[in-house]
Amino acid sequence: MSFTTTTAIAATFAWEAAADCWRITIAATPYDVTVGALAAARMCLGVDAGGTPGTNGAVDFIRHVLTAINTAVTASGRTFTLTLGADDKLTLAIDSGTFTLAHLTAAGLLLSRTLGFIPTGTAASLTADDQPWYLATTIAVQAEVLRARRSGAAERDSAGRVYGFGAGAVSYGRRLVLPRIPRNPDSA
């Protein structure tokens, strides 16, 4: 079963600094990754019109983690990419060779889970097992039919008389429904 994501909603969250939370081993050399603190982070944040990542002071968490990884492995001469695939899962890939990814601390496990990486291993690229936290994706946005709404009220007094008034202005509104993508499409 295949889905095409059409809409995403990213919640803002805070990230505490995680020193030496991941260990990436390249050619038997370990590199410890430290992910700095962020007061306002969001997953997959687009680029503002001015060309700078982020909106309203929020920072894209995926770019933040990728910068931390590439900073940690600078001495190896290798670079990594961290991309969101069509299945809404992240893929961590090295430009050449293979690497081993392991979490070292509870903060490292939290980072893995936040990005959707549950197990770790050795490969040229690792794809997350789950979608990243704080990012809701949908496969469709359904809108109901526009409905006319008028302001007004009615009241009945103790003698049974009914009083009412209505405003001449009419407004139109509709409800939007965002179906979600299940973590396991087989259970859909």
Protein backbone atom coordinates (compact mmCIF):
# COMPACT_ATOMS: atom_id res chain seq x y z
CA MET A 1 0.00 0.00 0.00
CA SER A 2 1.44 3.36 -1.02
CA PHE A 3 0.59 6.81 0.31
CA THR A 4 1.43 10.30 -0.91
CA THR A 5 1.80 12.86 1.83
CA THR A 6 -0.04 16.07 1.03
CA THR A 7 -0.01 17.96 4.34
CA ALA A 8 2.21 18.11 7.41
CA ILE A 9 1.83 19.83 10.76
CA ALA A 10 4.92 20.29 12.94
CA ALA A 11 4.60 21.01 16.65
CA THR A 12 7.19 23.21 18.35
CA PHE A 13 9.17 21.48 21.10
CA ALA A 14 12.19 22.18 23.30
CA TRP A 15 15.34 20.06 23.15
CA GLU A 16 17.83 19.91 26.01
CA ALA A 17 21.51 19.61 25.20
CA ALA A 18 22.65 16.01 24.79
CA ALA A 19 26.42 15.65 25.13
CA ASP A 20 28.00 12.57 23.54
CA CYS A 21 24.58 11.03 22.91
CA TRP A 22 25.37 9.12 19.71
CA ARG A 23 28.54 7.34 18.63
CA ILE A 24 29.19 7.04 14.91
CA THR A 25 32.02 4.69 14.02
CA ILE A 26 33.68 5.06 10.61
CA ALA A 27 36.54 2.71 9.67
CA ALA A 28 36.97 1.63 13.32
CA THR A 29 37.28 5.25 14.50
CA PRO A 30 34.53 6.41 16.91
CA TYR A 31 33.07 9.93 16.77
CA ASP A 32 30.79 11.13 19.56
CA VAL A 33 27.91 13.39 18.54
CA THR A 34 26.69 16.21 20.80
CA VAL A 35 23.33 17.79 19.94
CA GLY A 36 23.00 21.27 21.43
CA ALA A 37 19.92 22.66 23.18
CA LEU A 38 17.10 24.38 21.32
CA ALA A 39 14.34 26.41 22.96
CA ALA A 40 12.06 26.09 19.93
CA ALA A 41 12.53 23.27 17.43
CA ARG A 42 10.31 21.86 14.68
CA MET A 43 10.68 18.90 12.34
CA CYS A 44 11.16 19.55 8.61
CA LEU A 45 10.87 23.30 8.83
CA GLY A 46 10.96 25.01 5.45
CA VAL A 47 13.11 27.97 4.49
CA ASP A 48 11.82 31.50 5.07
CA ALA A 49 11.46 33.93 2.17
CA GLY A 50 14.76 35.51 3.26
CA GLY A 51 16.53 32.17 2.72
CA THR A 52 17.12 31.41 6.40
CA PRO A 53 15.84 28.15 7.90
CA GLY A 54 13.08 28.45 10.48
CA THR A 55 10.09 30.61 11.27
CA ASN A 56 9.18 32.65 14.33
CA GLY A 57 12.43 31.78 16.07
CA ALA A 58 12.01 28.01 15.61
CA VAL A 59 14.88 25.93 14.23
CA ASP A 60 14.57 22.82 12.04
CA PHE A 61 15.56 19.97 14.35
CA ILE A 62 16.63 17.68 11.50
CA ARG A 63 19.09 20.29 10.17
CA HIS A 64 20.29 20.89 13.74
CA VAL A 65 21.03 17.18 14.27
CA LEU A 66 22.67 16.88 10.85
CA THR A 67 24.96 19.82 11.63
CA ALA A 68 25.93 18.16 14.92
CA ILE A 69 26.71 14.88 13.14
CA ASN A 70 28.80 16.50 10.40
CA THR A 71 30.65 18.60 12.97
CA ALA A 72 31.49 15.47 14.97
CA VAL A 73 32.83 13.53 11.96
CA THR A 74 34.76 16.39 10.34
CA ALA A 75 38.12 14.68 10.96
CA SER A 76 36.99 11.62 8.98
CA GLY A 77 36.57 13.67 5.80
CA ARG A 78 33.09 12.20 5.34
CA THR A 79 29.72 13.93 5.34
CA PHE A 80 26.23 12.72 6.16
CA THR A 81 22.76 13.50 4.86
CA LEU A 82 19.55 13.18 6.86
CA THR A 83 16.50 13.25 4.60
CA LEU A 84 12.77 12.63 4.93
CA GLY A 85 11.61 10.02 2.43
CA ALA A 86 8.29 9.52 0.66
CA ASP A 87 7.32 7.07 3.42
CA ASP A 88 7.73 9.91 5.97
CA LYS A 89 10.75 8.22 7.57
CA LEU A 90 14.21 9.70 7.94
CA THR A 91 17.27 8.20 6.27
CA LEU A 92 20.78 8.84 7.58
CA ALA A 93 23.39 8.23 4.87
CA ILE A 94 27.16 8.65 4.54
CA ASP A 95 28.76 9.94 1.31
CA SER A 96 31.08 6.89 1.00
CA GLY A 97 31.78 3.71 2.93
CA THR A 98 29.78 2.45 5.89
CA PHE A 99 29.20 3.59 9.45
CA THR A 100 27.92 2.18 12.71
CA LEU A 101 25.40 4.15 14.75
CA ALA A 102 24.87 3.56 18.47
CA HIS A 103 23.33 5.60 21.25
CA LEU A 104 25.49 6.04 24.34
CA THR A 105 23.17 7.65 26.89
CA ALA A 106 19.50 8.00 27.78
CA ALA A 107 19.56 11.28 25.84
CA GLY A 108 20.92 9.34 22.86
CA LEU A 109 18.05 6.88 23.09
CA LEU A 110 15.62 9.83 23.27
CA LEU A 111 17.26 11.35 20.17
CA SER A 112 16.94 8.02 18.34
CA ARG A 113 13.28 7.69 19.26
CA THR A 114 12.54 11.34 18.42
CA LEU A 115 13.90 10.79 14.92
CA GLY A 116 12.28 7.35 14.57
CA PHE A 117 15.49 5.27 14.74
CA ILE A 118 14.84 2.35 17.08
CA PRO A 119 17.61 -0.19 16.44
CA THR A 120 21.11 0.78 15.38
CA GLY A 121 23.51 -0.98 13.06
CA THR A 122 26.20 -0.78 10.39
CA ALA A 123 25.37 0.30 6.84
CA ALA A 124 25.93 2.92 4.16
CA SER A 125 22.51 4.30 5.05
CA LEU A 126 20.02 3.66 7.84
CA THR A 127 16.29 4.26 7.44
CA ALA A 128 14.24 4.99 10.54
CA ASP A 129 11.69 2.45 11.68
CA ASP A 130 9.07 5.05 12.57
CA GLN A 131 8.09 8.54 11.55
CA PRO A 132 9.72 11.33 13.57
CA TRP A 133 7.95 12.60 16.65
CA TYR A 134 6.38 16.09 16.62
CA LEU A 135 5.49 15.77 12.94
CA ALA A 136 1.98 14.81 11.84
CA THR A 137 1.56 13.93 8.19
CA THR A 138 -1.67 13.39 6.32
CA ILE A 139 -2.52 11.87 2.98
CA ALA A 140 -5.47 14.14 2.26
CA VAL A 141 -7.22 17.27 3.42
CA GLN A 142 -10.95 16.90 3.09
CA ALA A 143 -13.21 19.93 3.30
CA GLU A 144 -16.91 19.76 3.98
CA VAL A 145 -19.43 21.75 1.94
CA LEU A 146 -19.66 25.46 2.77
CA ARG A 147 -22.54 26.10 5.17
CA ALA A 148 -24.32 29.40 5.66
CA ARG A 149 -24.47 30.66 9.24
CA ARG A 150 -26.60 33.50 10.57
CA SER A 151 -26.40 35.10 13.98
CA GLY A 152 -29.59 35.22 16.00
CA ALA A 153 -31.41 34.09 19.13
CA ALA A 154 -34.87 33.12 20.34
CA GLU A 155 -36.37 33.07 23.83
CA ARG A 156 -39.75 32.13 25.32
CA ASP A 157 -41.17 34.01 28.31
CA SER A 158 -43.35 32.57 31.08
CA ALA A 159 -46.55 33.51 29.19
CA GLY A 160 -45.46 31.42 26.19
CA ARG A 161 -44.61 34.34 23.92
CA VAL A 162 -41.57 33.81 21.71
CA TYR A 163 -39.16 36.66 21.01
CA GLY A 164 -36.44 36.39 18.42
CA PHE A 165 -34.04 38.39 16.35
CA GLY A 166 -31.76 37.59 13.48
CA ALA A 167 -28.83 39.39 11.97
CA GLY A 168 -28.84 40.15 8.29
CA ALA A 169 -25.18 39.23 7.82
CA VAL A 170 -24.38 35.72 6.65
CA SER A 171 -21.05 33.96 7.11
CA TYR A 172 -19.90 30.76 5.46
CA GLY A 173 -17.72 28.14 7.04
CA ARG A 174 -16.59 24.57 6.63
CA ARG A 175 -14.78 21.98 8.68
CA LEU A 176 -11.46 20.50 7.54
CA VAL A 177 -10.67 16.85 8.21
CA LEU A 178 -7.06 15.60 8.14
CA PRO A 179 -6.88 11.79 7.90
CA ARG A 180 -3.61 10.56 9.41
CA ILE A 181 -1.10 8.09 8.06
CA PRO A 182 -0.92 5.06 10.34
CA ARG A 183 2.51 4.06 11.65
CA ASN A 184 1.94 0.66 10.06
CA PRO A 185 0.11 0.95 6.69
CA ASP A 186 -0.85 -2.74 6.91
CA SER A 187 -3.17 -1.88 9.80
CA ALA A 188 -5.06 0.73 7.77
